[in-house]
Amino acid sequence: MREPTYFILTALLDGPLHGYAIISQVAQLSSGRVRLAAGTLYAALDRLTAEGMLRVVKEEIVSGRARRYYGVTEPGTVAVRAEADRMAAAAALVTHRRRPIVATAVMAV
C-alpha cells in the first residue's frame, strides 16, 4: 500500500471527513511528511471508492459546491490494519535486532 493511501484510510478511521479535512488530517498524522494536492486526493478517493475501501456517506452543497464526506468501509479498515501490522513486523526486524559486538584487536608492542 502506498503511503498516501495508508494515511487517507488512517485519517478516516475515526469517522467521515470531507476532502479538505482529509488533506489536513493526513498532514497532521504524517507530521507534515505527506502533503496531498487536491487533484491527487480526489483521484485517490475515486480509486479507493471504486475498490470498495471508502464510501460517500454524505453530500451537501457549500457555497454552491458539492462537498462529499467519505467514510472507510470494513474492507478499508481491514486493509489499513493489515498494512499497519506489516509495517510493524518490518520495523521489528530492525528495532529488535541486537547490535553485533565488534571486537577490536589489541596489539602488543
N, C-alpha and C. Protein backbone atom coordinates (compact mmCIF):
# COMPACT_ATOMS: atom_id res chain seq x y z
N MET A 1 0.86 -1.18 0.00
CA MET A 1 0.00 0.00 0.00
C MET A 1 0.90 1.24 0.00
N ARG A 2 0.57 2.17 -0.86
CA ARG A 2 1.35 3.41 -0.91
C ARG A 2 1.06 4.28 0.30
N GLU A 3 2.05 5.07 0.67
CA GLU A 3 1.95 5.88 1.88
C GLU A 3 0.74 6.82 1.88
N PRO A 4 0.45 7.54 0.79
CA PRO A 4 -0.74 8.41 0.81
C PRO A 4 -2.03 7.63 1.07
N THR A 5 -2.16 6.46 0.47
CA THR A 5 -3.35 5.63 0.68
C THR A 5 -3.46 5.23 2.15
N TYR A 6 -2.33 4.82 2.72
CA TYR A 6 -2.31 4.44 4.13
C TYR A 6 -2.79 5.60 5.01
N PHE A 7 -2.30 6.78 4.77
CA PHE A 7 -2.68 7.92 5.61
C PHE A 7 -4.11 8.38 5.35
N ILE A 8 -4.60 8.27 4.12
CA ILE A 8 -6.00 8.61 3.84
C ILE A 8 -6.92 7.67 4.62
N LEU A 9 -6.67 6.37 4.52
CA LEU A 9 -7.50 5.41 5.24
C LEU A 9 -7.40 5.61 6.75
N THR A 10 -6.20 5.87 7.25
CA THR A 10 -6.00 6.10 8.68
C THR A 10 -6.75 7.34 9.14
N ALA A 11 -6.73 8.39 8.32
CA ALA A 11 -7.43 9.64 8.67
C ALA A 11 -8.92 9.41 8.85
N LEU A 12 -9.45 8.43 8.15
CA LEU A 12 -10.89 8.19 8.18
C LEU A 12 -11.32 7.14 9.21
N LEU A 13 -10.38 6.57 9.94
CA LEU A 13 -10.74 5.56 10.94
C LEU A 13 -11.61 6.12 12.06
N ASP A 14 -11.46 7.39 12.38
CA ASP A 14 -12.25 7.99 13.47
C ASP A 14 -13.60 8.51 13.01
N GLY A 15 -13.85 8.49 11.72
CA GLY A 15 -15.15 8.94 11.22
C GLY A 15 -15.01 9.67 9.90
N PRO A 16 -16.15 9.90 9.24
CA PRO A 16 -16.15 10.52 7.91
C PRO A 16 -15.58 11.95 7.93
N LEU A 17 -14.92 12.30 6.84
CA LEU A 17 -14.36 13.64 6.64
C LEU A 17 -14.57 14.06 5.20
N HIS A 18 -14.57 15.36 4.95
CA HIS A 18 -14.60 15.87 3.58
C HIS A 18 -13.16 16.09 3.11
N GLY A 19 -12.99 16.38 1.84
CA GLY A 19 -11.68 16.45 1.23
C GLY A 19 -10.65 17.31 1.94
N TYR A 20 -10.99 18.57 2.22
CA TYR A 20 -10.02 19.46 2.86
C TYR A 20 -9.64 18.94 4.23
N ALA A 21 -10.60 18.41 4.97
CA ALA A 21 -10.31 17.85 6.29
C ALA A 21 -9.39 16.63 6.18
N ILE A 22 -9.56 15.84 5.13
CA ILE A 22 -8.67 14.69 4.91
C ILE A 22 -7.25 15.17 4.65
N ILE A 23 -7.11 16.18 3.79
CA ILE A 23 -5.79 16.75 3.50
C ILE A 23 -5.12 17.22 4.79
N SER A 24 -5.86 17.93 5.62
CA SER A 24 -5.32 18.44 6.89
C SER A 24 -4.95 17.31 7.84
N GLN A 25 -5.82 16.31 7.94
CA GLN A 25 -5.58 15.19 8.86
C GLN A 25 -4.37 14.36 8.41
N VAL A 26 -4.24 14.15 7.11
CA VAL A 26 -3.10 13.39 6.59
C VAL A 26 -1.80 14.13 6.90
N ALA A 27 -1.78 15.44 6.70
CA ALA A 27 -0.58 16.22 7.02
C ALA A 27 -0.24 16.12 8.50
N GLN A 28 -1.26 16.18 9.34
CA GLN A 28 -1.04 16.09 10.79
C GLN A 28 -0.54 14.70 11.18
N LEU A 29 -1.20 13.66 10.70
CA LEU A 29 -0.82 12.29 11.06
C LEU A 29 0.59 11.94 10.61
N SER A 30 1.00 12.50 9.47
CA SER A 30 2.33 12.19 8.92
C SER A 30 3.37 13.20 9.37
N SER A 31 3.03 14.06 10.31
CA SER A 31 3.94 15.12 10.78
C SER A 31 4.43 15.98 9.63
N GLY A 32 3.53 16.23 8.66
CA GLY A 32 3.85 17.09 7.53
C GLY A 32 4.60 16.42 6.40
N ARG A 33 4.95 15.15 6.55
CA ARG A 33 5.71 14.45 5.52
C ARG A 33 4.88 14.18 4.27
N VAL A 34 3.58 13.91 4.45
CA VAL A 34 2.71 13.64 3.31
C VAL A 34 1.78 14.83 3.15
N ARG A 35 1.94 15.51 2.03
CA ARG A 35 1.09 16.65 1.71
C ARG A 35 0.38 16.33 0.40
N LEU A 36 -0.93 16.24 0.48
CA LEU A 36 -1.72 15.86 -0.69
C LEU A 36 -2.25 17.09 -1.41
N ALA A 37 -2.01 17.16 -2.70
CA ALA A 37 -2.65 18.17 -3.54
C ALA A 37 -4.09 17.72 -3.77
N ALA A 38 -4.97 18.67 -4.02
CA ALA A 38 -6.39 18.35 -4.19
C ALA A 38 -6.61 17.32 -5.30
N GLY A 39 -5.94 17.50 -6.42
CA GLY A 39 -6.11 16.56 -7.54
C GLY A 39 -5.68 15.15 -7.18
N THR A 40 -4.58 15.05 -6.46
CA THR A 40 -4.08 13.75 -6.01
C THR A 40 -5.05 13.10 -5.05
N LEU A 41 -5.56 13.90 -4.11
CA LEU A 41 -6.52 13.37 -3.13
C LEU A 41 -7.77 12.85 -3.82
N TYR A 42 -8.37 13.65 -4.70
CA TYR A 42 -9.64 13.23 -5.29
C TYR A 42 -9.47 12.05 -6.23
N ALA A 43 -8.33 11.93 -6.89
CA ALA A 43 -8.06 10.73 -7.69
C ALA A 43 -7.98 9.51 -6.77
N ALA A 44 -7.30 9.66 -5.64
CA ALA A 44 -7.20 8.55 -4.68
C ALA A 44 -8.56 8.21 -4.09
N LEU A 45 -9.36 9.21 -3.76
CA LEU A 45 -10.69 8.95 -3.20
C LEU A 45 -11.56 8.21 -4.21
N ASP A 46 -11.51 8.61 -5.47
CA ASP A 46 -12.27 7.91 -6.51
C ASP A 46 -11.81 6.46 -6.63
N ARG A 47 -10.50 6.24 -6.63
CA ARG A 47 -9.95 4.88 -6.75
C ARG A 47 -10.35 4.03 -5.55
N LEU A 48 -10.18 4.58 -4.34
CA LEU A 48 -10.50 3.82 -3.13
C LEU A 48 -12.00 3.53 -3.02
N THR A 49 -12.82 4.45 -3.51
CA THR A 49 -14.27 4.21 -3.53
C THR A 49 -14.60 3.10 -4.51
N ALA A 50 -13.99 3.14 -5.70
CA ALA A 50 -14.23 2.10 -6.71
C ALA A 50 -13.75 0.73 -6.21
N GLU A 51 -12.69 0.71 -5.39
CA GLU A 51 -12.16 -0.55 -4.85
C GLU A 51 -12.95 -1.03 -3.63
N GLY A 52 -13.91 -0.23 -3.16
CA GLY A 52 -14.73 -0.64 -2.03
C GLY A 52 -14.11 -0.36 -0.67
N MET A 53 -13.02 0.40 -0.63
CA MET A 53 -12.38 0.72 0.65
C MET A 53 -12.98 1.95 1.31
N LEU A 54 -13.60 2.80 0.51
CA LEU A 54 -14.27 4.00 1.01
C LEU A 54 -15.67 4.06 0.44
N ARG A 55 -16.50 4.88 1.08
CA ARG A 55 -17.83 5.16 0.52
C ARG A 55 -18.18 6.61 0.84
N VAL A 56 -19.00 7.19 0.00
CA VAL A 56 -19.52 8.53 0.26
C VAL A 56 -20.65 8.37 1.27
N VAL A 57 -20.54 9.04 2.40
CA VAL A 57 -21.56 8.89 3.44
C VAL A 57 -22.51 10.07 3.50
N LYS A 58 -22.11 11.19 2.91
CA LYS A 58 -22.95 12.39 2.97
C LYS A 58 -22.49 13.35 1.89
N GLU A 59 -23.44 14.06 1.32
CA GLU A 59 -23.14 15.12 0.37
C GLU A 59 -23.94 16.34 0.74
N GLU A 60 -23.30 17.50 0.65
CA GLU A 60 -24.00 18.75 0.90
C GLU A 60 -23.46 19.82 -0.04
N ILE A 61 -24.22 20.87 -0.20
CA ILE A 61 -23.79 21.99 -1.03
C ILE A 61 -23.32 23.10 -0.11
N VAL A 62 -22.07 23.53 -0.30
CA VAL A 62 -21.49 24.60 0.49
C VAL A 62 -20.96 25.64 -0.49
N SER A 63 -21.50 26.86 -0.38
CA SER A 63 -21.10 27.95 -1.28
C SER A 63 -21.24 27.55 -2.75
N GLY A 64 -22.31 26.84 -3.05
CA GLY A 64 -22.60 26.44 -4.43
C GLY A 64 -21.80 25.25 -4.93
N ARG A 65 -21.00 24.64 -4.08
CA ARG A 65 -20.18 23.50 -4.50
C ARG A 65 -20.54 22.27 -3.67
N ALA A 66 -20.44 21.12 -4.32
CA ALA A 66 -20.74 19.87 -3.62
C ALA A 66 -19.58 19.53 -2.68
N ARG A 67 -19.92 19.15 -1.48
CA ARG A 67 -18.93 18.67 -0.51
C ARG A 67 -19.33 17.25 -0.14
N ARG A 68 -18.41 16.32 -0.40
CA ARG A 68 -18.66 14.91 -0.08
C ARG A 68 -17.87 14.52 1.15
N TYR A 69 -18.51 13.76 2.00
CA TYR A 69 -17.86 13.19 3.18
C TYR A 69 -17.63 11.72 2.90
N TYR A 70 -16.41 11.29 3.12
CA TYR A 70 -16.03 9.91 2.86
C TYR A 70 -15.83 9.17 4.18
N GLY A 71 -16.23 7.91 4.17
CA GLY A 71 -16.02 7.04 5.33
C GLY A 71 -15.32 5.78 4.88
N VAL A 72 -14.55 5.20 5.77
CA VAL A 72 -13.85 3.96 5.47
C VAL A 72 -14.82 2.79 5.67
N THR A 73 -14.75 1.83 4.78
CA THR A 73 -15.59 0.64 4.85
C THR A 73 -14.86 -0.45 5.64
N GLU A 74 -15.54 -1.54 5.89
CA GLU A 74 -14.90 -2.66 6.58
C GLU A 74 -13.68 -3.18 5.81
N PRO A 75 -13.80 -3.38 4.48
CA PRO A 75 -12.60 -3.81 3.74
C PRO A 75 -11.46 -2.78 3.83
N GLY A 76 -11.78 -1.50 3.86
CA GLY A 76 -10.75 -0.47 4.01
C GLY A 76 -10.09 -0.53 5.36
N THR A 77 -10.89 -0.76 6.40
CA THR A 77 -10.36 -0.89 7.76
C THR A 77 -9.44 -2.10 7.86
N VAL A 78 -9.88 -3.22 7.30
CA VAL A 78 -9.06 -4.45 7.31
C VAL A 78 -7.75 -4.20 6.57
N ALA A 79 -7.81 -3.54 5.42
CA ALA A 79 -6.61 -3.30 4.61
C ALA A 79 -5.61 -2.40 5.34
N VAL A 80 -6.08 -1.32 5.96
CA VAL A 80 -5.15 -0.39 6.61
C VAL A 80 -4.57 -1.03 7.88
N ARG A 81 -5.35 -1.82 8.57
CA ARG A 81 -4.81 -2.51 9.76
C ARG A 81 -3.80 -3.58 9.36
N ALA A 82 -4.06 -4.28 8.26
CA ALA A 82 -3.10 -5.28 7.77
C ALA A 82 -1.79 -4.59 7.37
N GLU A 83 -1.89 -3.42 6.75
CA GLU A 83 -0.69 -2.68 6.38
C GLU A 83 0.07 -2.22 7.61
N ALA A 84 -0.65 -1.77 8.64
CA ALA A 84 0.00 -1.37 9.89
C ALA A 84 0.73 -2.56 10.52
N ASP A 85 0.10 -3.73 10.51
CA ASP A 85 0.74 -4.93 11.04
C ASP A 85 1.98 -5.30 10.23
N ARG A 86 1.89 -5.17 8.91
CA ARG A 86 3.03 -5.48 8.05
C ARG A 86 4.20 -4.53 8.34
N MET A 87 3.89 -3.24 8.48
CA MET A 87 4.95 -2.26 8.76
C MET A 87 5.55 -2.49 10.14
N ALA A 88 4.73 -2.84 11.12
CA ALA A 88 5.23 -3.12 12.47
C ALA A 88 6.17 -4.32 12.46
N ALA A 89 5.80 -5.35 11.72
CA ALA A 89 6.65 -6.54 11.63
C ALA A 89 7.98 -6.20 10.94
N ALA A 90 7.92 -5.38 9.91
CA ALA A 90 9.14 -4.96 9.21
C ALA A 90 10.02 -4.11 10.13
N ALA A 91 9.40 -3.23 10.88
CA ALA A 91 10.16 -2.38 11.81
C ALA A 91 10.79 -3.22 12.90
N ALA A 92 10.10 -4.26 13.33
CA ALA A 92 10.63 -5.13 14.39
C ALA A 92 11.92 -5.82 13.97
N LEU A 93 12.07 -6.06 12.68
CA LEU A 93 13.31 -6.67 12.20
C LEU A 93 14.51 -5.80 12.52
N VAL A 94 14.30 -4.51 12.56
CA VAL A 94 15.38 -3.57 12.85
C VAL A 94 15.43 -3.24 14.34
N THR A 95 14.31 -2.93 14.93
CA THR A 95 14.31 -2.46 16.32
C THR A 95 14.62 -3.56 17.32
N HIS A 96 14.33 -4.79 16.99
CA HIS A 96 14.58 -5.89 17.92
C HIS A 96 15.89 -6.63 17.64
N ARG A 97 16.56 -6.20 16.62
CA ARG A 97 17.83 -6.84 16.27
C ARG A 97 18.90 -6.34 17.23
N ARG A 98 19.66 -7.26 17.74
CA ARG A 98 20.75 -6.88 18.62
C ARG A 98 21.91 -6.35 17.79
N ARG A 99 22.50 -5.35 18.32
CA ARG A 99 23.66 -4.78 17.64
C ARG A 99 24.84 -5.74 17.83
N PRO A 100 25.49 -6.12 16.73
CA PRO A 100 26.61 -7.05 16.86
C PRO A 100 27.77 -6.41 17.62
N ILE A 101 28.42 -7.22 18.40
CA ILE A 101 29.58 -6.75 19.15
C ILE A 101 30.77 -6.76 18.20
N VAL A 102 31.41 -5.63 18.10
CA VAL A 102 32.55 -5.51 17.21
C VAL A 102 33.80 -5.66 18.06
N ALA A 103 34.53 -6.69 17.80
CA ALA A 103 35.76 -6.94 18.55
C ALA A 103 36.87 -6.05 18.01
N THR A 104 37.60 -5.47 18.91
CA THR A 104 38.75 -4.68 18.48
C THR A 104 40.00 -5.44 18.87
N ALA A 105 40.92 -5.47 18.00
CA ALA A 105 42.17 -6.19 18.26
C ALA A 105 43.12 -5.26 19.02
N VAL A 106 43.71 -5.80 20.06
CA VAL A 106 44.69 -5.06 20.81
C VAL A 106 46.04 -5.66 20.47
N MET A 107 46.88 -4.86 19.97
CA MET A 107 48.19 -5.37 19.56
C MET A 107 49.23 -5.05 20.65
N ALA A 108 50.00 -6.04 20.97
CA ALA A 108 51.09 -5.84 21.94
C ALA A 108 52.28 -5.25 21.23
N VAL A 109 52.88 -4.31 21.85
CA VAL A 109 54.05 -3.68 21.23
C VAL A 109 55.30 -4.07 21.95
